Amino acid sequence: MSETVLDVKGMRCPLPVLRANRALRGLAPDERLRVLATDSAAVGDFQAFCRETGHALLAWSEEAGVFSFVIRKKPE
C-alpha cells in the first residue's frame, strides 16, 4: 500500500490540518497519508479531524519534537 508524506513542519494551527485535508482529497480510498508536524496542538487537531471526517488515525508518534501522524483515507 502506498503512503504519501506531507511535511508541514513549522506551520501552526490550523494549517497542518488544512493541508492534510487537501492532500487527502487527492488520494484514493484507503490510501495512507503520513503528516510530519512540529506544532504540539496538532495531536488534538488530528484526533478531532479524523473523528469528524471519518478518516482513520492509524498511529501517531513524536520524536525530537516532530510529530508523525498516519491517516488512512476513508472508504468511499
C-alpha atoms as a PDB file:
ATOM      1  CA  MET A   1       0.000   0.000   0.000  1.00  0.00           C
ATOM      2  CA  SER A   2       1.375   3.382  -0.947  1.00  0.00           C
ATOM      3  CA  GLU A   3       1.949   6.151   1.558  1.00  0.00           C
ATOM      4  CA  THR A   4       2.158   9.846   0.749  1.00  0.00           C
ATOM      5  CA  VAL A   5       4.248  12.070   3.022  1.00  0.00           C
ATOM      6  CA  LEU A   6       3.169  15.630   3.816  1.00  0.00           C
ATOM      7  CA  ASP A   7       5.745  17.823   5.575  1.00  0.00           C
ATOM      8  CA  VAL A   8       4.079  20.688   7.452  1.00  0.00           C
ATOM      9  CA  LYS A   9       6.866  21.251   9.974  1.00  0.00           C
ATOM     10  CA  GLY A  10       6.982  24.852  11.163  1.00  0.00           C
ATOM     11  CA  MET A  11       3.327  25.513  10.351  1.00  0.00           C
ATOM     12  CA  ARG A  12       0.940  26.443  13.149  1.00  0.00           C
ATOM     13  CA  CYS A  13      -2.702  25.509  13.720  1.00  0.00           C
ATOM     14  CA  PRO A  14      -4.854  25.249  11.630  1.00  0.00           C
ATOM     15  CA  LEU A  15      -2.516  24.938   8.623  1.00  0.00           C
ATOM     16  CA  PRO A  16      -1.336  21.321   9.226  1.00  0.00           C
ATOM     17  CA  VAL A  17      -4.911  20.013   9.261  1.00  0.00           C
ATOM     18  CA  LEU A  18      -5.964  22.169   6.308  1.00  0.00           C
ATOM     19  CA  ARG A  19      -3.002  20.964   4.221  1.00  0.00           C
ATOM     20  CA  ALA A  20      -3.676  17.346   5.222  1.00  0.00           C
ATOM     21  CA  ASN A  21      -7.319  17.698   4.230  1.00  0.00           C
ATOM     22  CA  ARG A  22      -6.275  18.986   0.813  1.00  0.00           C
ATOM     23  CA  ALA A  23      -3.770  16.131   0.391  1.00  0.00           C
ATOM     24  CA  LEU A  24      -6.352  13.516   1.395  1.00  0.00           C
ATOM     25  CA  ARG A  25      -8.740  14.767  -1.292  1.00  0.00           C
ATOM     26  CA  GLY A  26      -6.157  13.731  -3.896  1.00  0.00           C
ATOM     27  CA  LEU A  27      -5.774  10.196  -2.555  1.00  0.00           C
ATOM     28  CA  ALA A  28      -7.755   7.092  -3.402  1.00  0.00           C
ATOM     29  CA  PRO A  29      -9.897   5.488  -0.675  1.00  0.00           C
ATOM     30  CA  ASP A  30      -7.834   3.503   1.870  1.00  0.00           C
ATOM     31  CA  GLU A  31      -4.545   5.141   0.825  1.00  0.00           C
ATOM     32  CA  ARG A  32      -2.346   6.440   3.630  1.00  0.00           C
ATOM     33  CA  LEU A  33      -1.043   9.910   4.357  1.00  0.00           C
ATOM     34  CA  ARG A  34       1.852  10.467   6.767  1.00  0.00           C
ATOM     35  CA  VAL A  35       1.912  14.006   8.140  1.00  0.00           C
ATOM     36  CA  LEU A  36       5.047  15.428   9.767  1.00  0.00           C
ATOM     37  CA  ALA A  37       4.354  18.409  12.028  1.00  0.00           C
ATOM     38  CA  THR A  38       6.054  20.364  14.811  1.00  0.00           C
ATOM     39  CA  ASP A  39       3.011  22.130  16.306  1.00  0.00           C
ATOM     40  CA  SER A  40       2.102  20.337  19.557  1.00  0.00           C
ATOM     41  CA  ALA A  41      -1.545  21.340  19.048  1.00  0.00           C
ATOM     42  CA  ALA A  42      -1.575  19.040  16.011  1.00  0.00           C
ATOM     43  CA  VAL A  43      -2.097  15.987  18.238  1.00  0.00           C
ATOM     44  CA  GLY A  44      -5.565  17.096  19.334  1.00  0.00           C
ATOM     45  CA  ASP A  45      -6.288  18.681  15.981  1.00  0.00           C
ATOM     46  CA  PHE A  46      -5.693  15.473  14.015  1.00  0.00           C
ATOM     47  CA  GLN A  47      -7.617  13.356  16.511  1.00  0.00           C
ATOM     48  CA  ALA A  48     -10.631  15.678  16.171  1.00  0.00           C
ATOM     49  CA  PHE A  49     -10.218  15.967  12.392  1.00  0.00           C
ATOM     50  CA  CYS A  50     -10.286  12.193  11.909  1.00  0.00           C
ATOM     51  CA  ARG A  51     -13.184  11.735  14.305  1.00  0.00           C
ATOM     52  CA  GLU A  52     -15.242  14.365  12.440  1.00  0.00           C
ATOM     53  CA  THR A  53     -14.358  13.352   8.868  1.00  0.00           C
ATOM     54  CA  GLY A  54     -14.336   9.553   9.137  1.00  0.00           C
ATOM     55  CA  HIS A  55     -10.683   9.167   8.144  1.00  0.00           C
ATOM     56  CA  ALA A  56      -8.751   6.743  10.367  1.00  0.00           C
ATOM     57  CA  LEU A  57      -5.881   7.984  12.516  1.00  0.00           C
ATOM     58  CA  LEU A  58      -3.873   4.759  12.462  1.00  0.00           C
ATOM     59  CA  ALA A  59      -0.938   5.964  14.548  1.00  0.00           C
ATOM     60  CA  TRP A  60       0.863   8.986  15.837  1.00  0.00           C
ATOM     61  CA  SER A  61       4.228   9.433  17.483  1.00  0.00           C
ATOM     62  CA  GLU A  62       6.695  12.126  18.487  1.00  0.00           C
ATOM     63  CA  GLU A  63      10.445  12.085  18.105  1.00  0.00           C
ATOM     64  CA  ALA A  64      12.756  15.042  18.723  1.00  0.00           C
ATOM     65  CA  GLY A  65       9.862  17.500  18.546  1.00  0.00           C
ATOM     66  CA  VAL A  66       8.471  16.165  15.260  1.00  0.00           C
ATOM     67  CA  PHE A  67       5.028  14.582  15.342  1.00  0.00           C
ATOM     68  CA  SER A  68       4.189  11.899  12.804  1.00  0.00           C
ATOM     69  CA  PHE A  69       0.561  11.055  12.022  1.00  0.00           C
ATOM     70  CA  VAL A  70      -0.538   8.170   9.802  1.00  0.00           C
ATOM     71  CA  ILE A  71      -4.015   8.714   8.391  1.00  0.00           C
ATOM     72  CA  ARG A  72      -5.941   6.286   6.182  1.00  0.00           C
ATOM     73  CA  LYS A  73      -8.425   7.928   3.848  1.00  0.00           C
ATOM     74  CA  LYS A  74     -11.969   6.759   4.493  1.00  0.00           C
ATOM     75  CA  PRO A  75     -13.543   4.329   2.047  1.00  0.00           C
ATOM     76  CA  GLU A  76     -16.000   5.841  -0.414  1.00  0.00           C
END
